[in-house]
C-alpha cells in the first residue's frame, strides 16, 4: 500500500516543497548524459515527509538531495553554503508553499547525478528547514527542473531507485498522460479530471509528499457528493498550511483511472492559486506507480503497482504529530476527529503510548501505528507532564 498523509510513520510531516523561483540572470551550465546512463540507477529512500532523498555531488562534495520537479531552479541549503563558505549573491525572494522565502545564488563548477554531469551554472540558495522533509536531519539540495528537465526521468518507487534517460525513451509500458514544462513558472505540469472538473495546469511535483492537491475553486467545480472531509496540516519552505482533506472514489489522469485517492484542498489564496495552477500531483500519488516523466516527449507514463487502488490508511486518532528525540508534539488536531472532541490542543506533548516511551526510531517503529489503529480501540497516551490521557479511535472521514 502506498504511504499516505496519515500513515502513522509519516505523522503530519508531509511537506509540499514546490517553489516557483524566478529566472536567475546567470549562465545555466551545460549538461550531458553518460553513454551508459541507463545503467546508472540512483538509489533513494523516502523521507518521513514522503520525498525522494538520495546522494549526489556538487563540486566534488557529497550532498544529500531531494528530487523535486516542482522546483524551477534547484535550491541549495543556505546552511550548507555557509558551512562550506560559498560566495552567495543576494537574489531577492521567491514564492513557496506557506508564503515567500528569501533567495540567493551561488556559482557551481560541476554537478553529478547518476548518468548526468553538469558543467558550470549555479544554484539558487534558500533556507531548507528539516521540518520541510519531516526528518530530523535537513537535506542540502533540492534538484529541480533546471537540472533534469531536458531528460526522461524513470522513477522505480518499488525498487527505490531512479535514473535519467534521453528524452523519447520508453523503458516500460503503462498508462500515458500529458506532461510539459510550464513556459512561465518552468515546472512540470499535467492535468487531472476530478468529478465534473478538468483541472489544469497541475504541477507534477515529486517534492510534494502529499497525494493530489487542488484549489478551493477546483474542488467546488468537481461537485463531488458524499465525500467526508477533515482538516490537515503540511509544511512548505515558508511555513505551515492548514487545508481540507478527503478520499475521493476516482480521478483520471490521461489514460489512467485512479481509485480511492487522497485529495487535499488548499484554502482560498493558497500556493497553487498564487502561481496560477489548479493544484499539484505529489509523490504520495506517484509512488503507487512506476513513473516516467518525459516533458520533452510531452508525456508521463504510469505503470500501477498491485495495490495502487487500495484505500489509503486514514487517521483514526485525529492527531497529527511531529517527532522529537523522545516525544511527539501535536502539530494539528483534525476537524471532527476524536482528539478534537476530547479537547486536545496543538502543542500537547506525548512521551509514552500504552506505557511504552517514545523511542528515537519512532518514525520506523511498530509503535507509530497507533494513530491509524482500529476504530473503537482506546489508547493510553502518557503526557510529558506525567499525566495520562485516553483516546478512543474512530472512523471520522
Protein backbone atom coordinates (compact mmCIF):
# COMPACT_ATOMS: atom_id res chain seq x y z
CA UNK A 1 0.00 0.00 0.00
CA UNK A 2 1.28 3.46 -0.80
CA UNK A 3 2.29 5.69 2.08
CA UNK A 4 -0.23 8.44 2.69
CA UNK A 5 -0.51 11.55 4.80
CA UNK A 6 -1.95 9.88 7.85
CA UNK A 7 0.06 6.69 7.72
CA UNK A 8 1.41 6.76 11.28
CA UNK A 9 5.04 6.54 10.22
CA UNK A 10 4.60 9.89 8.49
CA UNK A 11 2.52 11.64 11.12
CA UNK A 12 1.83 15.18 9.94
CA UNK A 13 5.06 15.86 8.15
CA UNK A 14 4.16 15.52 4.53
CA UNK A 15 5.79 18.58 3.14
CA UNK A 16 4.98 20.18 -0.17
CA UNK A 17 8.22 21.82 -1.25
CA UNK A 18 7.09 23.28 -4.55
CA UNK A 19 8.56 26.65 -5.33
CA UNK A 20 8.17 28.82 -8.36
CA UNK A 21 11.50 30.55 -8.45
CA UNK A 22 12.13 33.46 -10.81
CA UNK A 23 14.76 33.09 -13.54
CA UNK A 24 18.26 33.98 -12.47
CA UNK A 25 20.44 36.13 -14.70
CA UNK A 26 23.31 33.67 -14.85
CA UNK A 27 24.59 31.09 -17.35
CA UNK A 28 22.62 27.83 -16.94
CA UNK A 29 25.56 25.46 -17.36
CA UNK A 30 25.85 22.58 -19.83
CA UNK A 31 24.58 19.09 -19.03
CA UNK A 32 25.43 15.79 -20.67
CA UNK A 33 24.38 12.18 -20.13
CA UNK A 34 26.95 9.40 -19.99
CA UNK A 35 26.71 6.72 -22.72
CA UNK A 36 25.77 4.18 -20.02
CA UNK A 37 23.23 6.43 -18.28
CA UNK A 38 20.53 3.72 -18.45
CA UNK A 39 22.64 1.55 -16.14
CA UNK A 40 23.31 4.36 -13.68
CA UNK A 41 20.42 3.93 -11.28
CA UNK A 42 20.42 6.27 -8.29
CA UNK A 43 19.25 4.57 -5.07
CA UNK A 44 16.94 6.57 -2.79
CA UNK A 45 14.90 6.38 0.35
CA UNK A 46 11.63 8.13 1.14
CA UNK A 47 11.84 10.76 3.85
CA UNK A 48 9.19 10.76 6.60
CA UNK A 49 7.76 13.64 4.56
CA UNK A 50 7.41 11.25 1.60
CA UNK A 51 10.05 12.74 -0.72
CA UNK A 52 12.78 11.06 -2.76
CA UNK A 53 16.09 11.51 -0.90
CA UNK A 54 19.43 10.47 -2.42
CA UNK A 55 23.13 11.34 -2.64
CA UNK A 56 24.97 13.20 -5.40
CA UNK A 57 27.94 15.55 -5.70
CA UNK A 58 28.33 19.32 -6.08
CA UNK A 59 31.84 20.50 -6.92
CA UNK A 60 33.23 17.15 -5.79
CA UNK A 61 31.47 17.23 -2.39
CA UNK A 62 28.86 14.66 -1.43
CA UNK A 63 25.45 16.20 -0.68
CA UNK A 64 22.04 14.83 0.28
CA UNK A 65 19.30 15.90 -2.12
CA UNK A 66 15.57 15.64 -2.80
CA UNK A 67 14.22 15.14 -6.31
CA UNK A 68 11.76 18.00 -6.75
CA UNK A 69 10.10 18.54 -10.14
CA UNK A 70 8.00 21.29 -8.56
CA UNK A 71 11.10 23.49 -8.23
CA UNK A 72 12.00 25.55 -11.27
CA UNK A 73 15.61 26.27 -10.21
CA UNK A 74 17.48 23.82 -7.98
CA UNK A 75 17.91 25.05 -4.40
CA UNK A 76 20.99 24.72 -2.22
CA UNK A 77 20.52 24.96 1.55
CA UNK A 78 21.81 28.23 2.97
CA UNK A 79 23.14 26.23 5.91
CA UNK A 80 25.32 24.21 3.52
CA UNK A 81 26.50 27.31 1.66
CA UNK A 82 27.50 28.95 4.93
CA UNK A 83 29.28 25.84 6.25
CA UNK A 84 31.34 25.47 3.06
CA UNK A 85 31.99 29.24 2.85
CA UNK A 86 30.46 29.64 -0.62
CA UNK A 87 30.11 33.14 -2.07
CA UNK A 88 26.35 33.73 -2.20
CA UNK A 89 24.90 36.59 -4.26
CA UNK A 90 21.67 38.06 -2.88
CA UNK A 91 18.75 37.28 -5.19
CA UNK A 92 15.51 38.71 -3.81
CA UNK A 93 12.58 36.44 -2.94
CA UNK A 94 10.54 33.57 -4.37
CA UNK A 95 7.06 32.12 -3.93
CA UNK A 96 6.88 28.96 -1.84
CA UNK A 97 4.25 26.94 -0.04
CA UNK A 98 3.38 28.90 3.08
CA UNK A 99 4.46 32.29 1.75
CA UNK A 100 7.64 33.88 0.36
CA UNK A 101 11.27 32.99 1.02
CA UNK A 102 14.49 34.97 0.59
CA UNK A 103 16.82 33.55 -2.04
CA UNK A 104 20.37 33.98 -3.30
CA UNK A 105 22.56 32.43 -5.96
CA UNK A 106 25.89 30.61 -5.99
CA UNK A 107 28.05 29.50 -8.93
CA UNK A 108 29.00 25.82 -9.33
CA UNK A 109 31.76 24.14 -11.31
CA UNK A 110 30.35 20.62 -11.67
CA UNK A 111 27.31 18.66 -10.53
CA UNK A 112 26.97 14.88 -10.88
CA UNK A 113 23.73 12.92 -10.58
CA UNK A 114 23.55 9.34 -11.85
CA UNK A 115 24.48 9.46 -15.53
CA UNK A 116 24.24 13.28 -15.66
CA UNK A 117 27.12 15.72 -15.38
CA UNK A 118 26.52 19.48 -15.50
CA UNK A 119 29.46 21.79 -16.03
CA UNK A 120 29.13 25.40 -14.89
CA UNK A 121 25.91 27.17 -13.98
CA UNK A 122 24.80 27.64 -10.41
CA UNK A 123 22.18 27.09 -7.75
CA UNK A 124 19.53 29.15 -6.01
CA UNK A 125 20.20 29.41 -2.27
CA UNK A 126 17.45 29.36 0.37
CA UNK A 127 16.70 28.06 3.85
CA UNK A 128 15.74 24.36 3.75
CA UNK A 129 14.41 23.52 7.24
CA UNK A 130 14.39 19.91 8.39
CA UNK A 131 10.65 20.04 9.11
CA UNK A 132 10.02 20.54 5.38
CA UNK A 133 11.13 16.91 4.86
CA UNK A 134 9.68 15.55 8.08
CA UNK A 135 13.15 14.37 9.03
CA UNK A 136 15.39 15.12 11.97
CA UNK A 137 18.18 15.96 9.54
CA UNK A 138 17.84 18.56 6.80
CA UNK A 139 18.93 17.96 3.22
CA UNK A 140 21.49 20.02 1.34
CA UNK A 141 19.79 20.40 -2.04
CA UNK A 142 16.50 20.31 -3.95
CA UNK A 143 17.12 19.06 -7.50
CA UNK A 144 14.68 20.82 -9.82
CA UNK A 145 13.67 21.32 -13.43
CA UNK A 146 16.78 23.23 -14.47
CA UNK A 147 18.98 20.18 -13.84
CA UNK A 148 16.75 17.32 -15.05
CA UNK A 149 14.05 18.83 -17.29
CA UNK A 150 15.81 18.06 -20.59
CA UNK A 151 15.75 14.33 -19.93
CA UNK A 152 13.33 11.49 -19.22
CA UNK A 153 13.14 10.63 -15.51
CA UNK A 154 12.41 6.96 -14.73
CA UNK A 155 11.34 6.53 -11.09
CA UNK A 156 11.02 2.96 -9.83
CA UNK A 157 9.38 3.55 -6.45
CA UNK A 158 9.08 -0.18 -5.68
CA UNK A 159 12.83 -0.71 -6.05
CA UNK A 160 13.68 2.71 -4.51
CA UNK A 161 15.77 3.87 -7.45
CA UNK A 162 15.63 6.33 -10.36
CA UNK A 163 17.65 7.14 -13.48
CA UNK A 164 17.92 9.81 -16.15
CA UNK A 165 17.41 8.81 -19.79
CA UNK A 166 17.44 10.56 -23.11
CA UNK A 167 14.05 12.07 -23.94
CA UNK A 168 11.89 9.81 -26.08
CA UNK A 169 12.86 6.54 -24.40
CA UNK A 170 10.00 4.25 -23.31
CA UNK A 171 11.60 1.75 -20.88
CA UNK A 172 8.30 0.21 -19.73
CA UNK A 173 4.62 0.13 -20.68
CA UNK A 174 1.87 1.92 -18.80
CA UNK A 175 -0.94 4.44 -18.97
CA UNK A 176 0.02 7.71 -20.70
CA UNK A 177 -0.89 11.23 -19.58
CA UNK A 178 0.14 14.67 -20.88
CA UNK A 179 3.22 16.33 -19.38
CA UNK A 180 5.02 19.58 -20.21
CA UNK A 181 7.22 22.30 -18.74
CA UNK A 182 5.22 25.45 -17.96
CA UNK A 183 6.57 28.36 -20.00
CA UNK A 184 6.10 30.86 -17.21
CA UNK A 185 6.84 29.02 -13.95
CA UNK A 186 9.23 26.49 -15.56
CA UNK A 187 7.96 23.48 -13.59
CA UNK A 188 6.50 20.13 -14.68
CA UNK A 189 2.75 20.33 -15.40
CA UNK A 190 -0.02 17.86 -16.29
CA UNK A 191 -3.79 17.70 -15.93
CA UNK A 192 -6.37 15.82 -13.85
CA UNK A 193 -10.09 15.13 -14.27
CA UNK A 194 -11.80 15.15 -10.86
CA UNK A 195 -15.56 14.72 -10.77
CA UNK A 196 -17.06 17.37 -13.06
CA UNK A 197 -13.83 19.40 -13.18
CA UNK A 198 -11.00 19.36 -15.73
CA UNK A 199 -8.09 20.67 -13.68
CA UNK A 200 -5.08 22.16 -15.45
CA UNK A 201 -2.34 23.03 -15.16
CA UNK A 202 -1.50 20.66 -12.32
CA UNK A 203 2.10 20.89 -11.12
CA UNK A 204 3.61 17.39 -11.18
CA UNK A 205 5.72 17.67 -8.07
CA UNK A 206 7.92 14.84 -6.80
CA UNK A 207 8.94 17.11 -3.92
CA UNK A 208 5.38 17.28 -2.59
CA UNK A 209 4.84 14.44 -0.13
CA UNK A 210 1.06 14.56 -0.31
CA UNK A 211 -1.08 12.89 -2.97
CA UNK A 212 -3.32 15.23 -5.01
CA UNK A 213 -3.81 18.88 -4.07
CA UNK A 214 -6.42 21.15 -5.66
CA UNK A 215 -7.52 24.74 -5.23
CA UNK A 216 -10.73 25.62 -3.40
CA UNK A 217 -12.24 26.64 -6.74
CA UNK A 218 -11.27 23.34 -8.35
CA UNK A 219 -12.88 21.39 -5.52
CA UNK A 220 -16.12 23.33 -5.94
CA UNK A 221 -16.08 22.71 -9.69
CA UNK A 222 -15.61 18.98 -9.13
CA UNK A 223 -19.05 18.84 -7.45
CA UNK A 224 -18.26 15.65 -5.55
CA UNK A 225 -21.09 14.48 -3.31
CA UNK A 226 -20.76 12.34 -0.21
CA UNK A 227 -17.02 12.81 0.37
CA UNK A 228 -16.34 13.22 4.09
CA UNK A 229 -13.56 15.67 4.85
CA UNK A 230 -11.43 16.84 7.75
CA UNK A 231 -8.51 19.24 8.22
CA UNK A 232 -4.80 18.60 7.91
CA UNK A 233 -1.50 20.47 8.10
CA UNK A 234 1.55 20.40 5.86
CA UNK A 235 4.85 22.23 5.84
CA UNK A 236 6.49 24.05 2.96
CA UNK A 237 9.63 26.15 2.69
CA UNK A 238 7.81 29.20 4.05
CA UNK A 239 5.90 27.52 6.87
CA UNK A 240 2.74 25.53 7.72
CA UNK A 241 -0.54 25.43 5.79
CA UNK A 242 -3.85 24.05 7.07
CA UNK A 243 -6.11 22.57 4.41
CA UNK A 244 -9.11 20.29 3.93
CA UNK A 245 -8.58 16.63 3.07
CA UNK A 246 -10.75 13.71 1.94
CA UNK A 247 -10.67 10.44 -0.02
CA UNK A 248 -12.30 10.60 -3.47
CA UNK A 249 -13.56 7.43 -5.20
CA UNK A 250 -11.93 8.13 -8.58
CA UNK A 251 -9.96 10.56 -10.72
CA UNK A 252 -8.48 10.45 -14.21
CA UNK A 253 -5.08 11.45 -15.49
CA UNK A 254 -4.85 10.92 -19.25
CA UNK A 255 -5.40 7.20 -19.84
CA UNK A 256 -5.07 6.42 -16.14
CA UNK A 257 -8.11 5.85 -13.89
CA UNK A 258 -7.06 6.01 -10.23
CA UNK A 259 -9.37 4.99 -7.36
CA UNK A 260 -9.51 5.79 -3.63
CA UNK A 261 -7.31 8.86 -3.92
CA UNK A 262 -6.44 11.20 -1.09
CA UNK A 263 -7.15 14.81 -2.13
CA UNK A 264 -6.07 17.92 -0.25
CA UNK A 265 -8.00 21.18 -0.80
CA UNK A 266 -5.99 24.36 -0.33
CA UNK A 267 -7.58 27.41 1.30
CA UNK A 268 -8.62 30.32 -0.90
CA UNK A 269 -5.48 32.19 -1.96
CA UNK A 270 -3.28 29.13 -1.42
CA UNK A 271 0.01 28.37 -3.13
CA UNK A 272 -1.42 26.79 -6.29
CA UNK A 273 -3.78 29.71 -6.83
CA UNK A 274 -0.92 32.15 -6.25
CA UNK A 275 1.18 30.66 -9.06
CA UNK A 276 -1.79 30.20 -11.44
CA UNK A 277 -2.02 26.40 -11.10
CA UNK A 278 -5.06 24.22 -10.50
CA UNK A 279 -3.17 22.13 -7.96
CA UNK A 280 -0.39 19.56 -7.62
CA UNK A 281 0.24 15.86 -8.20
CA UNK A 282 2.59 14.76 -5.44
CA UNK A 283 4.82 11.86 -4.53
CA UNK A 284 2.08 10.41 -2.30
CA UNK A 285 0.15 9.68 -5.52
CA UNK A 286 3.05 8.92 -7.86
CA UNK A 287 4.55 6.26 -5.59
CA UNK A 288 1.63 3.95 -6.40
CA UNK A 289 3.22 3.56 -9.83
CA UNK A 290 6.43 3.18 -11.73
CA UNK A 291 6.69 6.63 -13.28
CA UNK A 292 8.33 8.03 -16.39
CA UNK A 293 8.37 11.83 -16.59
CA UNK A 294 9.40 12.98 -20.05
CA UNK A 295 8.32 16.57 -20.73
CA UNK A 296 10.41 16.68 -23.90
CA UNK A 297 8.22 13.93 -25.37
CA UNK A 298 5.08 15.54 -23.87
CA UNK A 299 4.14 12.58 -21.69
CA UNK A 300 4.27 10.83 -18.39
CA UNK A 301 3.83 7.06 -18.19
CA UNK A 302 2.41 5.35 -15.11
CA UNK A 303 2.52 1.60 -14.51
CA UNK A 304 0.38 0.69 -11.49
CA UNK A 305 1.57 -1.40 -8.57
CA UNK A 306 -0.66 -4.29 -7.49
CA UNK A 307 -2.23 -2.29 -4.67
CA UNK A 308 -2.34 1.12 -6.35
CA UNK A 309 -6.13 1.40 -5.93
CA UNK A 310 -6.26 0.23 -2.31
CA UNK A 311 -7.73 2.84 0.07
CA UNK A 312 -5.01 4.86 1.83
CA UNK A 313 -4.64 4.49 5.57
CA UNK A 314 -6.52 7.18 7.47
CA UNK A 315 -6.04 8.70 10.86
CA UNK A 316 -8.41 7.34 13.46
CA UNK A 317 -6.96 9.46 16.27
CA UNK A 318 -7.37 12.90 14.70
CA UNK A 319 -3.90 13.89 15.89
CA UNK A 320 -1.11 14.89 13.53
CA UNK A 321 2.21 14.84 15.33
CA UNK A 322 5.82 15.80 14.82
CA UNK A 323 8.61 13.56 16.11
CA UNK A 324 11.16 14.93 18.55
CA UNK A 325 14.01 12.91 20.14
CA UNK A 326 11.93 11.41 22.97
CA UNK A 327 8.43 12.77 22.45
CA UNK A 328 5.67 13.63 20.00
CA UNK A 329 4.45 17.18 19.57
CA UNK A 330 0.87 17.69 18.43
CA UNK A 331 1.06 19.84 15.30
CA UNK A 332 -2.61 19.75 14.36
CA UNK A 333 -5.91 18.48 15.75
CA UNK A 334 -8.06 17.34 12.83
CA UNK A 335 -11.54 18.77 12.45
CA UNK A 336 -14.32 16.41 13.55
CA UNK A 337 -11.97 13.74 14.91
CA UNK A 338 -11.93 12.04 18.32
CA UNK A 339 -9.00 14.15 19.51
CA UNK A 340 -10.91 17.36 18.78
CA UNK A 341 -13.91 16.03 20.69
CA UNK A 342 -11.64 15.15 23.63
CA UNK A 343 -10.17 18.66 23.82
CA UNK A 344 -6.65 18.05 22.50
CA UNK A 345 -4.68 21.14 21.51
CA UNK A 346 -1.79 21.99 19.23
CA UNK A 347 1.46 21.85 21.23
CA UNK A 348 0.39 19.00 23.54
CA UNK A 349 3.39 16.72 24.20
CA UNK A 350 3.20 12.90 24.27
CA UNK A 351 6.03 10.91 25.89
CA UNK A 352 4.51 7.40 26.04
CA UNK A 353 1.99 5.25 24.16
CA UNK A 354 0.23 2.49 26.11
CA UNK A 355 3.06 2.72 28.65
CA UNK A 356 5.89 2.47 26.11
CA UNK A 357 8.23 5.51 25.90
CA UNK A 358 8.50 7.23 22.53
CA UNK A 359 11.73 5.79 21.04
CA UNK A 360 14.29 7.65 18.95
CA UNK A 361 13.38 5.46 15.98
CA UNK A 362 9.66 6.15 16.42
CA UNK A 363 9.10 7.01 12.74
CA UNK A 364 10.02 3.45 11.68
CA UNK A 365 8.85 1.54 14.76
CA UNK A 366 5.61 -0.51 15.07
CA UNK A 367 4.61 1.78 17.95
CA UNK A 368 3.85 4.52 15.42
CA UNK A 369 0.85 2.60 14.04
CA UNK A 370 -1.39 3.59 16.95
CA UNK A 371 -2.67 6.81 15.34
CA UNK A 372 -4.30 4.90 12.48
CA UNK A 373 -5.40 1.95 14.62
CA UNK A 374 -8.66 0.02 14.66
CA UNK A 375 -11.72 2.21 15.40
CA UNK A 376 -13.03 1.56 18.91
CA UNK A 377 -9.61 0.87 20.40
CA UNK A 378 -8.68 3.07 23.38
CA UNK A 379 -5.07 4.24 23.54
CA UNK A 380 -3.41 5.44 26.75
CA UNK A 381 -1.20 8.41 25.91
CA UNK A 382 1.35 9.40 28.55
CA UNK A 383 1.78 13.15 28.53
CA UNK A 384 5.19 14.68 29.19
CA UNK A 385 3.81 16.40 32.31
CA UNK A 386 3.27 12.98 33.91
CA UNK A 387 -0.48 12.70 33.32
CA UNK A 388 -2.20 10.10 31.15
CA UNK A 389 -4.96 10.82 28.64
CA UNK A 390 -7.08 8.14 27.00
CA UNK A 391 -8.22 8.49 23.39
CA UNK A 392 -10.74 6.20 21.70
CA UNK A 393 -10.03 5.83 17.98
CA UNK A 394 -12.81 6.38 15.46
CA UNK A 395 -13.57 6.45 11.74
CA UNK A 396 -14.42 10.10 11.06
CA UNK A 397 -13.65 10.95 7.41
